Amino acid sequence: MGLSPIRPQEDRIPTHDSPNLPRPLDSLALRPMPRWASGALVRTAPAHPEQPITVLWVPDTAPRLPFGRVLLRWEKAAEAGWDVTAHLGLASTDVHLATWPAAPDDWPHLVRPTLHEVTCLCPALAVATAALDLANRIARP
């Protein structure tokens, strides 16, 4: 008997700009986000700084975030740098994960540890929740 997912598999979030082609965040981070985008969906967040964080643009008409997925938004800060925010998709809602106000131009390196930890933690939480659900079903008389 396999473990059931925490919530039903959701459709891929569509994007206007090369929907199946993740791009390195470093190549996008110093430009404003496109007006049609609600943010950049993190596809990979490797721990090693030499490996790129890859993202896909997400249109503002996209459904809410799938469980464990992170959406980044950034805009020029008032004084200098970039105001960066991250939202996390949970089982029943999307939540504010972090804010990096007035982050320097190399902000992808600043956010990398948080993105890596969260993208690793969410699958572990899903497995632990599924195991707990299974244990509860087995324990019922």
C-alpha atoms as a PDB file:
ATOM      1  CA  MET A   1       0.000   0.000   0.000  1.00  0.00           C
ATOM      2  CA  GLY A   2       1.528   3.354  -1.088  1.00  0.00           C
ATOM      3  CA  LEU A   3       1.351   6.605   0.795  1.00  0.00           C
ATOM      4  CA  SER A   4      -1.285   8.998  -0.467  1.00  0.00           C
ATOM      5  CA  PRO A   5      -0.314  12.579  -1.289  1.00  0.00           C
ATOM      6  CA  ILE A   6      -1.184  15.335   1.151  1.00  0.00           C
ATOM      7  CA  ARG A   7      -3.427  16.974  -1.437  1.00  0.00           C
ATOM      8  CA  PRO A   8      -4.320  16.105  -5.016  1.00  0.00           C
ATOM      9  CA  GLN A   9      -1.688  16.640  -7.671  1.00  0.00           C
ATOM     10  CA  GLU A  10      -2.216  20.068  -9.194  1.00  0.00           C
ATOM     11  CA  ASP A  11      -1.756  21.145 -12.770  1.00  0.00           C
ATOM     12  CA  ARG A  12       1.502  22.803 -13.678  1.00  0.00           C
ATOM     13  CA  ILE A  13       1.448  26.543 -13.217  1.00  0.00           C
ATOM     14  CA  PRO A  14       1.359  28.006 -16.726  1.00  0.00           C
ATOM     15  CA  THR A  15       3.843  30.662 -17.771  1.00  0.00           C
ATOM     16  CA  HIS A  16       3.932  33.013 -20.736  1.00  0.00           C
ATOM     17  CA  ASP A  17       7.685  32.899 -21.211  1.00  0.00           C
ATOM     18  CA  SER A  18       9.008  29.451 -22.188  1.00  0.00           C
ATOM     19  CA  PRO A  19       6.683  27.453 -19.926  1.00  0.00           C
ATOM     20  CA  ASN A  20       8.925  24.417 -19.555  1.00  0.00           C
ATOM     21  CA  LEU A  21      12.274  26.179 -19.511  1.00  0.00           C
ATOM     22  CA  PRO A  22      13.542  27.117 -16.051  1.00  0.00           C
ATOM     23  CA  ARG A  23      15.999  30.005 -16.094  1.00  0.00           C
ATOM     24  CA  PRO A  24      18.844  30.863 -13.728  1.00  0.00           C
ATOM     25  CA  LEU A  25      17.659  33.415 -11.193  1.00  0.00           C
ATOM     26  CA  ASP A  26      20.964  35.291 -11.420  1.00  0.00           C
ATOM     27  CA  SER A  27      20.198  36.182 -15.040  1.00  0.00           C
ATOM     28  CA  LEU A  28      16.821  37.698 -14.101  1.00  0.00           C
ATOM     29  CA  ALA A  29      17.456  39.189 -10.646  1.00  0.00           C
ATOM     30  CA  LEU A  30      18.784  42.584 -11.701  1.00  0.00           C
ATOM     31  CA  ARG A  31      15.848  43.357 -13.975  1.00  0.00           C
ATOM     32  CA  PRO A  32      12.320  44.285 -12.936  1.00  0.00           C
ATOM     33  CA  MET A  33       9.805  41.458 -13.099  1.00  0.00           C
ATOM     34  CA  PRO A  34       7.541  41.497 -16.170  1.00  0.00           C
ATOM     35  CA  ARG A  35       4.263  43.321 -15.539  1.00  0.00           C
ATOM     36  CA  TRP A  36       2.231  40.229 -16.414  1.00  0.00           C
ATOM     37  CA  ALA A  37       4.067  38.074 -13.822  1.00  0.00           C
ATOM     38  CA  SER A  38       3.034  37.506 -10.225  1.00  0.00           C
ATOM     39  CA  GLY A  39       6.549  36.269  -9.476  1.00  0.00           C
ATOM     40  CA  ALA A  40       9.110  33.614 -10.208  1.00  0.00           C
ATOM     41  CA  LEU A  41       8.421  30.045  -9.122  1.00  0.00           C
ATOM     42  CA  VAL A  42      11.525  28.391  -7.679  1.00  0.00           C
ATOM     43  CA  ARG A  43      12.204  25.131  -9.529  1.00  0.00           C
ATOM     44  CA  THR A  44      15.538  24.233  -7.940  1.00  0.00           C
ATOM     45  CA  ALA A  45      17.495  25.702  -5.023  1.00  0.00           C
ATOM     46  CA  PRO A  46      20.761  23.773  -4.770  1.00  0.00           C
ATOM     47  CA  ALA A  47      22.878  24.209  -1.653  1.00  0.00           C
ATOM     48  CA  HIS A  48      26.102  24.730  -3.606  1.00  0.00           C
ATOM     49  CA  PRO A  49      26.585  28.384  -4.630  1.00  0.00           C
ATOM     50  CA  GLU A  50      28.059  27.409  -8.002  1.00  0.00           C
ATOM     51  CA  GLN A  51      24.790  25.750  -9.054  1.00  0.00           C
ATOM     52  CA  PRO A  52      22.082  28.161 -10.182  1.00  0.00           C
ATOM     53  CA  ILE A  53      18.721  28.655  -8.537  1.00  0.00           C
ATOM     54  CA  THR A  54      16.298  28.059 -11.386  1.00  0.00           C
ATOM     55  CA  VAL A  55      12.900  29.724 -11.717  1.00  0.00           C
ATOM     56  CA  LEU A  56       9.912  30.030 -14.030  1.00  0.00           C
ATOM     57  CA  TRP A  57       7.876  33.205 -14.480  1.00  0.00           C
ATOM     58  CA  VAL A  58       4.334  32.804 -13.179  1.00  0.00           C
ATOM     59  CA  PRO A  59       1.496  34.847 -14.695  1.00  0.00           C
ATOM     60  CA  ASP A  60      -0.728  36.837 -12.381  1.00  0.00           C
ATOM     61  CA  THR A  61      -3.655  34.635 -13.464  1.00  0.00           C
ATOM     62  CA  ALA A  62      -2.032  31.433 -12.132  1.00  0.00           C
ATOM     63  CA  PRO A  63      -3.737  29.305  -9.464  1.00  0.00           C
ATOM     64  CA  ARG A  64      -2.332  29.348  -5.953  1.00  0.00           C
ATOM     65  CA  LEU A  65       1.021  27.766  -5.225  1.00  0.00           C
ATOM     66  CA  PRO A  66       1.317  23.985  -4.962  1.00  0.00           C
ATOM     67  CA  PHE A  67       2.426  22.550  -1.611  1.00  0.00           C
ATOM     68  CA  GLY A  68       6.084  23.202  -0.886  1.00  0.00           C
ATOM     69  CA  ARG A  69       6.655  25.568  -3.801  1.00  0.00           C
ATOM     70  CA  VAL A  70       8.183  29.015  -3.306  1.00  0.00           C
ATOM     71  CA  LEU A  71       7.292  32.139  -5.284  1.00  0.00           C
ATOM     72  CA  LEU A  72       9.761  35.036  -5.337  1.00  0.00           C
ATOM     73  CA  ARG A  73       8.863  38.667  -6.029  1.00  0.00           C
ATOM     74  CA  TRP A  74      11.277  41.568  -6.274  1.00  0.00           C
ATOM     75  CA  GLU A  75      11.229  45.255  -7.039  1.00  0.00           C
ATOM     76  CA  LYS A  76      13.714  48.108  -6.827  1.00  0.00           C
ATOM     77  CA  ALA A  77      14.060  49.331  -3.237  1.00  0.00           C
ATOM     78  CA  ALA A  78      13.423  53.000  -2.480  1.00  0.00           C
ATOM     79  CA  GLU A  79      17.019  53.833  -1.576  1.00  0.00           C
ATOM     80  CA  ALA A  80      19.198  51.082  -3.057  1.00  0.00           C
ATOM     81  CA  GLY A  81      19.079  47.395  -3.878  1.00  0.00           C
ATOM     82  CA  TRP A  82      15.999  45.217  -4.180  1.00  0.00           C
ATOM     83  CA  ASP A  83      13.001  44.461  -1.969  1.00  0.00           C
ATOM     84  CA  VAL A  84      12.588  40.686  -2.230  1.00  0.00           C
ATOM     85  CA  THR A  85       9.726  38.625  -0.799  1.00  0.00           C
ATOM     86  CA  ALA A  86       9.064  34.902  -0.810  1.00  0.00           C
ATOM     87  CA  HIS A  87       5.725  33.102  -0.422  1.00  0.00           C
ATOM     88  CA  LEU A  88       5.328  29.401   0.337  1.00  0.00           C
ATOM     89  CA  GLY A  89       2.504  27.131  -0.783  1.00  0.00           C
ATOM     90  CA  LEU A  90       1.099  25.075   2.077  1.00  0.00           C
ATOM     91  CA  ALA A  91      -1.647  22.438   2.065  1.00  0.00           C
ATOM     92  CA  SER A  92      -4.495  24.896   2.538  1.00  0.00           C
ATOM     93  CA  THR A  93      -3.076  28.346   1.779  1.00  0.00           C
ATOM     94  CA  ASP A  94      -0.098  30.398   0.649  1.00  0.00           C
ATOM     95  CA  VAL A  95       1.928  32.122   3.376  1.00  0.00           C
ATOM     96  CA  HIS A  96       4.524  34.862   3.552  1.00  0.00           C
ATOM     97  CA  LEU A  97       7.837  33.067   4.017  1.00  0.00           C
ATOM     98  CA  ALA A  98      10.427  35.839   4.162  1.00  0.00           C
ATOM     99  CA  THR A  99      11.299  39.398   3.235  1.00  0.00           C
ATOM    100  CA  TRP A 100      14.703  40.776   2.382  1.00  0.00           C
ATOM    101  CA  PRO A 101      14.358  44.596   2.272  1.00  0.00           C
ATOM    102  CA  ALA A 102      16.957  46.593   0.342  1.00  0.00           C
ATOM    103  CA  ALA A 103      18.890  43.429  -0.557  1.00  0.00           C
ATOM    104  CA  PRO A 104      22.103  43.987  -2.529  1.00  0.00           C
ATOM    105  CA  ASP A 105      22.352  43.241  -6.245  1.00  0.00           C
ATOM    106  CA  ASP A 106      23.646  39.738  -5.507  1.00  0.00           C
ATOM    107  CA  TRP A 107      20.421  38.943  -3.616  1.00  0.00           C
ATOM    108  CA  PRO A 108      20.038  35.435  -5.111  1.00  0.00           C
ATOM    109  CA  HIS A 109      23.047  34.425  -2.973  1.00  0.00           C
ATOM    110  CA  LEU A 110      21.386  35.979   0.072  1.00  0.00           C
ATOM    111  CA  VAL A 111      18.103  34.076  -0.362  1.00  0.00           C
ATOM    112  CA  ARG A 112      19.698  30.748  -1.385  1.00  0.00           C
ATOM    113  CA  PRO A 113      20.010  29.241   2.146  1.00  0.00           C
ATOM    114  CA  THR A 114      16.357  29.923   2.956  1.00  0.00           C
ATOM    115  CA  LEU A 115      15.133  28.580  -0.393  1.00  0.00           C
ATOM    116  CA  HIS A 116      17.266  25.446  -0.087  1.00  0.00           C
ATOM    117  CA  GLU A 117      16.134  24.693   3.467  1.00  0.00           C
ATOM    118  CA  VAL A 118      12.443  25.210   2.707  1.00  0.00           C
ATOM    119  CA  THR A 119      12.479  23.207  -0.527  1.00  0.00           C
ATOM    120  CA  CYS A 120      14.095  20.313   1.369  1.00  0.00           C
ATOM    121  CA  LEU A 121      11.877  20.617   4.441  1.00  0.00           C
ATOM    122  CA  CYS A 122       8.516  20.531   2.637  1.00  0.00           C
ATOM    123  CA  PRO A 123       8.917  17.051   1.103  1.00  0.00           C
ATOM    124  CA  ALA A 124      10.071  15.764   4.494  1.00  0.00           C
ATOM    125  CA  LEU A 125       6.951  17.238   6.113  1.00  0.00           C
ATOM    126  CA  ALA A 126       4.752  15.650   3.442  1.00  0.00           C
ATOM    127  CA  VAL A 127       6.290  12.214   4.074  1.00  0.00           C
ATOM    128  CA  ALA A 128       6.002  12.612   7.852  1.00  0.00           C
ATOM    129  CA  THR A 129       2.346  13.667   7.554  1.00  0.00           C
ATOM    130  CA  ALA A 130       1.540  10.757   5.253  1.00  0.00           C
ATOM    131  CA  ALA A 131       3.280   8.338   7.660  1.00  0.00           C
ATOM    132  CA  LEU A 132       1.306   9.745  10.587  1.00  0.00           C
ATOM    133  CA  ASP A 133      -1.955   9.407   8.641  1.00  0.00           C
ATOM    134  CA  LEU A 134      -1.086   5.802   7.782  1.00  0.00           C
ATOM    135  CA  ALA A 135      -0.192   5.025  11.417  1.00  0.00           C
ATOM    136  CA  ASN A 136      -3.492   6.511  12.563  1.00  0.00           C
ATOM    137  CA  ARG A 137      -5.459   4.390  10.053  1.00  0.00           C
ATOM    138  CA  ILE A 138      -3.640   1.234  11.139  1.00  0.00           C
ATOM    139  CA  ALA A 139      -4.222   2.018  14.816  1.00  0.00           C
ATOM    140  CA  ARG A 140      -7.991   2.376  14.400  1.00  0.00           C
ATOM    141  CA  PRO A 141      -9.909  -0.716  15.590  1.00  0.00           C
END
